[in-house]
């Protein structure tokens, strides 16, 4: 059964709400063993929690949805547990997982913009929009979003996969990098490939995108084709990079990521 989420800053009053309670970047869930459930209640006290702050997120199939920021030392009530977003993937519906990621990012933004970055005055929520505004100097702070490109590069029947220094174990993945001010997404693809592995690419095409709440990125996927150059690694970031064929693949990323979707699509 499909669900539809409509974001909003105008609260719907009364009745039960879906509560996405966040401790740090972990999500509070009802623990049902092999699956989890996001809790509903009319008030957070019914769940045994007392939020530091709360945001109205919108409606999920007509059900009001709210975030609840919890203290770092908050202990999960009986029958409930805190899950990291990575651990939560696959334990709830994917759309609910995406909504939990949205809540975690908004809670992080809300608690890190309590004071104005220009003059230090306590900020207030701006009516009618998702922003915190300074009542003294007027500076508005909107939720932070960091766009990053992620690209599948192929050469004939080979795919380029790399192992970043930060990757766990022996996992390899496609290349990725953050967009710099003043450049297009396509320029970023070409620049990042050139910087990280020293080759040139062509035929840069959009693939798909994915919100990535680790902590507040938007991953924008592309495909590209090798045109020239030998692999020359940026040693400060890349431990290894190789051309792989379909019958000779290394350990790959988990299926939750757009990186894996790019690789599976090629396969």
Protein backbone atom coordinates (compact mmCIF):
# COMPACT_ATOMS: atom_id res chain seq x y z
CA UNK A 1 0.00 0.00 0.00
CA UNK A 2 1.53 3.31 -1.06
CA UNK A 3 1.67 6.29 1.29
CA UNK A 4 1.90 9.98 0.55
CA UNK A 5 3.72 12.55 2.67
CA UNK A 6 2.82 16.24 2.36
CA UNK A 7 5.37 18.52 4.08
CA UNK A 8 3.99 21.49 5.99
CA UNK A 9 4.82 23.94 8.77
CA UNK A 10 1.15 24.53 9.69
CA UNK A 11 0.23 22.05 12.45
CA UNK A 12 -2.95 20.01 12.37
CA UNK A 13 -4.29 20.05 15.93
CA UNK A 14 -5.89 17.19 17.81
CA UNK A 15 -5.84 13.43 17.42
CA UNK A 16 -2.95 11.02 17.22
CA UNK A 17 0.28 11.99 15.50
CA UNK A 18 3.20 10.02 14.18
CA UNK A 19 6.16 10.90 16.41
CA UNK A 20 9.71 10.66 15.07
CA UNK A 21 11.81 11.06 18.19
CA UNK A 22 15.50 11.76 17.63
CA UNK A 23 18.37 11.31 20.09
CA UNK A 24 21.50 12.61 18.40
CA UNK A 25 20.88 11.03 14.98
CA UNK A 26 19.19 7.88 16.34
CA UNK A 27 15.47 7.21 15.97
CA UNK A 28 13.13 5.92 18.69
CA UNK A 29 11.02 2.95 17.51
CA UNK A 30 8.72 0.30 18.90
CA UNK A 31 10.82 -2.86 18.86
CA UNK A 32 8.95 -5.87 17.42
CA UNK A 33 11.95 -8.16 17.13
CA UNK A 34 12.66 -8.51 13.42
CA UNK A 35 10.88 -5.27 12.52
CA UNK A 36 10.30 -1.81 13.97
CA UNK A 37 7.45 0.69 14.07
CA UNK A 38 7.40 4.46 14.36
CA UNK A 39 5.13 5.27 17.33
CA UNK A 40 1.88 7.25 17.30
CA UNK A 41 0.28 9.11 20.19
CA UNK A 42 -1.69 12.27 20.83
CA UNK A 43 0.99 13.59 23.19
CA UNK A 44 4.68 12.62 23.57
CA UNK A 45 4.12 11.94 27.29
CA UNK A 46 2.04 8.90 26.26
CA UNK A 47 5.25 7.44 24.81
CA UNK A 48 7.29 8.19 27.92
CA UNK A 49 9.28 11.01 26.32
CA UNK A 50 9.66 14.72 27.01
CA UNK A 51 11.01 16.54 23.92
CA UNK A 52 13.45 19.42 24.25
CA UNK A 53 11.95 20.85 21.05
CA UNK A 54 9.44 19.63 18.48
CA UNK A 55 8.77 20.46 14.84
CA UNK A 56 5.66 19.88 12.78
CA UNK A 57 6.76 17.99 9.67
CA UNK A 58 3.55 17.53 7.68
CA UNK A 59 1.00 14.79 7.07
CA UNK A 60 1.48 11.16 6.11
CA UNK A 61 -1.77 9.96 4.54
CA UNK A 62 -3.56 12.58 6.60
CA UNK A 63 -1.82 11.68 9.86
CA UNK A 64 0.02 14.62 11.48
CA UNK A 65 3.75 13.93 11.74
CA UNK A 66 6.02 15.55 14.30
CA UNK A 67 9.64 15.39 15.35
CA UNK A 68 10.79 15.25 18.95
CA UNK A 69 14.33 16.22 19.91
CA UNK A 70 15.45 14.14 22.89
CA UNK A 71 18.40 14.70 25.25
CA UNK A 72 21.58 12.77 24.54
CA UNK A 73 21.16 10.75 27.76
CA UNK A 74 17.54 9.75 27.13
CA UNK A 75 16.88 6.06 27.76
CA UNK A 76 14.41 4.23 25.52
CA UNK A 77 11.11 3.42 27.30
CA UNK A 78 10.09 -0.21 27.80
CA UNK A 79 9.32 -1.98 24.53
CA UNK A 80 11.16 0.64 22.53
CA UNK A 81 14.69 1.09 21.21
CA UNK A 82 16.92 3.64 19.55
CA UNK A 83 18.16 2.70 16.08
CA UNK A 84 20.71 4.47 13.95
CA UNK A 85 19.38 5.40 10.53
CA UNK A 86 21.65 2.81 8.93
CA UNK A 87 20.41 0.07 11.27
CA UNK A 88 16.81 1.14 10.75
CA UNK A 89 16.96 0.64 6.98
CA UNK A 90 15.00 -2.48 6.04
CA UNK A 91 13.29 -2.65 9.44
CA UNK A 92 10.57 -0.17 8.43
CA UNK A 93 8.99 0.81 5.11
CA UNK A 94 11.44 2.70 2.87
CA UNK A 95 9.24 5.80 2.69
CA UNK A 96 9.04 5.87 6.49
CA UNK A 97 12.82 5.47 6.61
CA UNK A 98 13.18 8.48 4.30
CA UNK A 99 10.78 10.43 6.52
CA UNK A 100 12.84 9.49 9.59
CA UNK A 101 15.92 10.79 7.77
CA UNK A 102 14.10 14.04 7.02
CA UNK A 103 13.18 14.40 10.70
CA UNK A 104 16.74 13.73 11.86
CA UNK A 105 18.10 16.42 9.52
CA UNK A 106 15.51 18.98 10.59
CA UNK A 107 16.12 18.29 14.28
CA UNK A 108 19.86 18.76 13.73
CA UNK A 109 19.25 22.04 11.88
CA UNK A 110 16.84 23.30 14.55
CA UNK A 111 19.18 22.67 17.48
CA UNK A 112 22.24 24.13 15.75
CA UNK A 113 20.55 27.41 14.74
CA UNK A 114 19.07 28.48 18.07
CA UNK A 115 21.25 31.60 17.92
CA UNK A 116 21.85 33.95 15.01
CA UNK A 117 25.12 33.27 13.21
CA UNK A 118 25.57 37.00 12.57
CA UNK A 119 24.80 38.69 15.89
CA UNK A 120 24.22 35.87 18.38
CA UNK A 121 20.62 36.78 19.23
CA UNK A 122 18.23 33.89 19.97
CA UNK A 123 16.33 33.06 16.79
CA UNK A 124 12.63 32.40 16.29
CA UNK A 125 10.75 30.13 13.91
CA UNK A 126 9.62 32.14 10.91
CA UNK A 127 5.84 31.85 10.38
CA UNK A 128 4.76 30.03 7.23
CA UNK A 129 8.18 28.71 6.21
CA UNK A 130 10.89 26.30 7.35
CA UNK A 131 13.36 28.85 8.68
CA UNK A 132 14.70 30.37 11.89
CA UNK A 133 14.89 34.15 11.79
CA UNK A 134 16.79 36.62 13.94
CA UNK A 135 14.40 39.23 15.42
CA UNK A 136 17.22 41.79 15.65
CA UNK A 137 19.18 41.71 12.39
CA UNK A 138 16.69 39.74 10.26
CA UNK A 139 19.08 36.96 9.19
CA UNK A 140 17.18 33.82 8.16
CA UNK A 141 18.67 30.33 8.52
CA UNK A 142 17.12 27.61 6.37
CA UNK A 143 17.70 23.85 6.75
CA UNK A 144 21.16 22.99 5.50
CA UNK A 145 21.46 20.78 2.44
CA UNK A 146 24.81 19.83 0.91
CA UNK A 147 24.55 18.68 -2.74
CA UNK A 148 26.97 15.95 -3.79
CA UNK A 149 27.41 14.16 -7.10
CA UNK A 150 27.94 10.42 -7.31
CA UNK A 151 28.93 8.92 -10.63
CA UNK A 152 29.25 5.60 -12.38
CA UNK A 153 32.11 5.68 -14.87
CA UNK A 154 32.36 2.91 -17.45
CA UNK A 155 34.89 1.96 -20.13
CA UNK A 156 33.54 -0.58 -22.58
CA UNK A 157 32.36 -3.52 -20.47
CA UNK A 158 34.25 -2.31 -17.38
CA UNK A 159 33.15 -0.19 -14.42
CA UNK A 160 35.42 2.05 -12.36
CA UNK A 161 35.23 1.33 -8.63
CA UNK A 162 37.37 2.84 -5.91
CA UNK A 163 38.08 2.24 -2.24
CA UNK A 164 38.21 5.43 -0.22
CA UNK A 165 40.42 5.58 2.85
CA UNK A 166 37.32 5.99 5.04
CA UNK A 167 35.55 2.87 3.70
CA UNK A 168 35.14 -0.09 6.05
CA UNK A 169 36.87 -3.38 5.23
CA UNK A 170 37.56 -3.98 1.56
CA UNK A 171 34.47 -2.28 0.12
CA UNK A 172 34.69 -0.53 -3.26
CA UNK A 173 32.17 1.94 -4.65
CA UNK A 174 31.62 4.53 -7.36
CA UNK A 175 33.20 7.97 -7.01
CA UNK A 176 31.46 10.89 -5.31
CA UNK A 177 32.16 14.43 -4.16
CA UNK A 178 30.56 17.66 -2.98
CA UNK A 179 29.52 20.42 -5.34
CA UNK A 180 31.54 23.63 -5.03
CA UNK A 181 30.04 27.14 -5.22
CA UNK A 182 29.73 28.38 -8.78
CA UNK A 183 29.93 25.05 -10.61
CA UNK A 184 27.27 23.00 -12.37
CA UNK A 185 26.59 19.41 -11.42
CA UNK A 186 28.16 18.22 -14.68
CA UNK A 187 31.28 20.29 -14.03
CA UNK A 188 31.49 18.77 -10.57
CA UNK A 189 31.34 15.24 -12.01
CA UNK A 190 34.21 15.95 -14.39
CA UNK A 191 36.27 17.74 -11.74
CA UNK A 192 35.85 15.08 -9.05
CA UNK A 193 36.74 12.24 -11.43
CA UNK A 194 39.80 14.16 -12.59
CA UNK A 195 40.92 15.00 -9.05
CA UNK A 196 40.34 11.56 -7.54
CA UNK A 197 41.55 9.22 -10.28
CA UNK A 198 43.12 11.46 -12.96
CA UNK A 199 40.98 10.55 -15.98
CA UNK A 200 38.65 12.48 -18.29
CA UNK A 201 35.03 11.54 -18.90
CA UNK A 202 32.34 12.40 -21.41
CA UNK A 203 28.62 11.70 -22.00
CA UNK A 204 27.69 12.84 -18.46
CA UNK A 205 24.01 11.99 -17.89
CA UNK A 206 21.65 12.32 -14.93
CA UNK A 207 20.62 8.99 -13.32
CA UNK A 208 18.58 9.69 -10.16
CA UNK A 209 18.89 11.33 -6.74
CA UNK A 210 18.65 10.26 -3.11
CA UNK A 211 18.31 12.21 0.14
CA UNK A 212 21.25 11.09 2.28
CA UNK A 213 20.84 12.03 5.95
CA UNK A 214 24.47 11.41 6.97
CA UNK A 215 24.09 14.12 8.08
CA UNK A 216 22.42 16.39 5.47
CA UNK A 217 23.37 15.59 1.88
CA UNK A 218 21.47 15.25 -1.38
CA UNK A 219 23.19 12.65 -3.56
CA UNK A 220 22.71 13.38 -7.27
CA UNK A 221 23.61 10.39 -9.42
CA UNK A 222 25.18 10.48 -12.86
CA UNK A 223 26.63 8.10 -15.41
CA UNK A 224 29.71 8.96 -17.48
CA UNK A 225 32.02 7.34 -20.00
CA UNK A 226 35.82 7.24 -19.88
CA UNK A 227 37.41 9.18 -22.71
CA UNK A 228 41.13 9.40 -21.87
CA UNK A 229 43.81 9.01 -19.20
CA UNK A 230 45.30 6.36 -16.95
CA UNK A 231 44.30 5.94 -13.31
CA UNK A 232 46.26 8.29 -11.05
CA UNK A 233 44.98 8.26 -7.48
CA UNK A 234 44.51 11.17 -5.11
CA UNK A 235 46.31 9.46 -2.24
CA UNK A 236 44.82 11.70 0.44
CA UNK A 237 41.36 10.22 -0.27
CA UNK A 238 41.60 7.11 -2.46
CA UNK A 239 43.30 3.91 -1.30
CA UNK A 240 42.76 2.04 -4.56
CA UNK A 241 40.80 2.27 -7.82
CA UNK A 242 40.46 -0.30 -10.59
CA UNK A 243 38.46 -1.19 -13.68
CA UNK A 244 36.26 -4.21 -12.93
CA UNK A 245 34.27 -6.55 -15.15
CA UNK A 246 30.92 -8.12 -14.22
CA UNK A 247 32.53 -11.44 -13.31
CA UNK A 248 35.27 -9.90 -11.18
CA UNK A 249 33.57 -7.51 -8.74
CA UNK A 250 34.88 -6.61 -5.26
CA UNK A 251 32.83 -6.12 -2.08
CA UNK A 252 30.08 -3.60 -2.90
CA UNK A 253 28.07 -1.03 -0.87
CA UNK A 254 24.81 -2.04 0.82
CA UNK A 255 21.55 -1.81 -1.08
CA UNK A 256 20.30 1.24 0.80
CA UNK A 257 22.59 3.60 -1.15
CA UNK A 258 22.30 5.17 -4.59
CA UNK A 259 25.86 3.93 -5.13
CA UNK A 260 24.56 0.36 -5.15
CA UNK A 261 21.64 1.35 -7.38
CA UNK A 262 24.10 2.76 -9.94
CA UNK A 263 26.13 -0.46 -9.85
CA UNK A 264 23.09 -2.77 -9.97
CA UNK A 265 21.69 -0.82 -12.92
CA UNK A 266 24.96 -1.41 -14.80
CA UNK A 267 24.86 -5.11 -13.89
